[in-house]
Amino acid sequence: MRNPAIPQLHHRLNLVQLLNFGGQPYDFTVTGSSRTHADLATAAGLAEIATYADGAGANKLYIIPRNADGTLGTPTSLAADARAVGLEVVMSNFPNENLTQPLVGSS
C-alpha cells in the first residue's frame, strides 16, 4: 500500500548514504577518522558522497534546522548542494511524536 505522506522516487537508487544528526558513520569510527555526519552534509562532503552513491538520506535537521526556541529555521543549501553534484535527496527522521516536532504546529 502506498503511503501518500512518503514521497515516491521515480527511479531506483542503488546506494544512499545516510546522514544522521550527530555521530559519525561506522566506517569512520573503525578507521579512526574524526569526520562526522555533519562533515558529509557539507558541499564538499556531498561531492565525496557523489563518487560512490546515488543519493543522500539526510536527517531533516540538516535540511530545515530548528531555531534555539524550537521553531523551524531557514532551510539550508543541502538539497541544492546535493543536486548540484548529481545526488538524489531523501529526508529522514519524521516520527509522529510531539517530542520530535517543532513547537509551531505541535499539539
Protein backbone atom coordinates (compact mmCIF):
# COMPACT_ATOMS: atom_id res chain seq x y z
CA MET A 1 0.00 0.00 0.00
CA ARG A 2 1.41 3.37 -1.00
CA ASN A 3 1.67 5.92 1.81
CA PRO A 4 0.76 9.37 0.38
CA ALA A 5 2.84 11.06 3.11
CA ILE A 6 6.03 9.45 1.80
CA PRO A 7 7.38 10.93 -1.45
CA GLN A 8 7.87 8.28 -4.09
CA LEU A 9 11.09 8.14 -6.08
CA HIS A 10 10.56 7.68 -9.79
CA HIS A 11 13.64 5.55 -10.29
CA ARG A 12 15.73 3.11 -8.31
CA LEU A 13 18.61 4.32 -6.18
CA ASN A 14 21.37 1.75 -5.81
CA LEU A 15 23.12 3.29 -2.80
CA VAL A 16 22.08 6.07 -0.43
CA GLN A 17 24.48 7.49 2.16
CA LEU A 18 22.57 8.09 5.38
CA LEU A 19 23.34 11.31 7.23
CA ASN A 20 22.30 11.00 10.85
CA PHE A 21 22.14 14.08 13.01
CA GLY A 22 25.15 13.68 15.27
CA GLY A 23 27.79 11.00 15.47
CA GLN A 24 29.72 9.52 12.62
CA PRO A 25 29.36 6.72 10.09
CA TYR A 26 30.59 3.38 11.43
CA ASP A 27 33.36 3.09 8.83
CA PHE A 28 34.77 6.42 10.05
CA THR A 29 34.73 5.11 13.61
CA VAL A 30 36.60 1.89 12.83
CA THR A 31 39.21 3.67 10.71
CA GLY A 32 39.85 6.30 13.39
CA SER A 33 38.58 9.20 11.27
CA SER A 34 37.44 12.26 13.21
CA ARG A 35 34.93 13.20 10.49
CA THR A 36 31.23 13.14 11.30
CA HIS A 37 27.87 13.01 9.54
CA ALA A 38 27.89 16.83 9.69
CA ASP A 39 31.12 16.85 7.63
CA LEU A 40 29.40 14.75 4.97
CA ALA A 41 26.45 17.16 4.94
CA THR A 42 28.66 19.99 3.59
CA ALA A 43 29.05 20.76 -0.13
CA ALA A 44 32.49 19.10 -0.10
CA GLY A 45 31.15 16.07 1.77
CA LEU A 46 28.27 15.69 -0.66
CA ALA A 47 30.71 15.86 -3.58
CA GLU A 48 32.61 12.98 -1.96
CA ILE A 49 29.38 11.00 -1.50
CA ALA A 50 28.59 11.51 -5.20
CA THR A 51 31.70 9.48 -6.07
CA TYR A 52 30.16 6.30 -4.63
CA ALA A 53 26.43 6.80 -4.02
CA ASP A 54 23.29 7.79 -5.90
CA GLY A 55 21.70 9.74 -3.08
CA ALA A 56 21.88 11.17 0.40
CA GLY A 57 19.34 10.22 3.05
CA ALA A 58 19.62 13.27 5.25
CA ASN A 59 18.10 13.80 8.68
CA LYS A 60 15.50 16.56 8.32
CA LEU A 61 17.52 18.84 10.64
CA TYR A 62 20.29 19.08 8.02
CA ILE A 63 17.71 20.45 5.58
CA ILE A 64 15.44 22.53 7.83
CA PRO A 65 17.15 23.16 11.16
CA ARG A 66 15.41 24.39 14.28
CA ASN A 67 15.97 27.76 15.90
CA ALA A 68 17.09 27.96 19.53
CA ASP A 69 13.43 28.38 20.56
CA GLY A 70 12.41 25.12 18.85
CA THR A 71 10.67 26.69 15.84
CA LEU A 72 11.65 25.82 12.27
CA GLY A 73 14.67 27.68 10.96
CA THR A 74 15.73 28.76 7.50
CA PRO A 75 16.27 25.87 5.06
CA THR A 76 19.92 25.07 4.36
CA SER A 77 21.56 24.59 0.98
CA LEU A 78 21.99 20.82 1.46
CA ALA A 79 19.34 19.79 -1.09
CA ALA A 80 20.66 22.20 -3.73
CA ASP A 81 24.27 21.24 -2.98
CA ALA A 82 23.42 17.54 -3.32
CA ARG A 83 21.54 18.02 -6.58
CA ALA A 84 24.45 20.11 -7.93
CA VAL A 85 26.70 17.04 -7.70
CA GLY A 86 24.07 14.66 -9.10
CA LEU A 87 22.69 13.18 -5.87
CA GLU A 88 19.05 12.47 -5.12
CA VAL A 89 17.95 13.69 -1.69
CA VAL A 90 15.70 11.80 0.69
CA MET A 91 14.79 13.36 4.02
CA SER A 92 14.51 11.11 7.05
CA ASN A 93 13.50 11.06 10.69
CA PHE A 94 9.83 12.04 10.72
CA PRO A 95 8.40 10.17 13.72
CA ASN A 96 4.84 11.09 14.64
CA GLU A 97 5.62 12.18 18.18
CA ASN A 98 5.24 15.61 19.73
CA LEU A 99 8.66 15.24 21.38
CA THR A 100 10.34 15.41 17.97
CA GLN A 101 8.07 18.01 16.38
CA PRO A 102 8.88 21.73 16.14
CA LEU A 103 6.98 23.97 18.50
CA VAL A 104 4.97 25.57 15.70
CA GLY A 105 2.01 23.38 14.83
CA SER A 106 2.53 20.75 17.52
CA SER A 107 -0.43 19.57 19.52
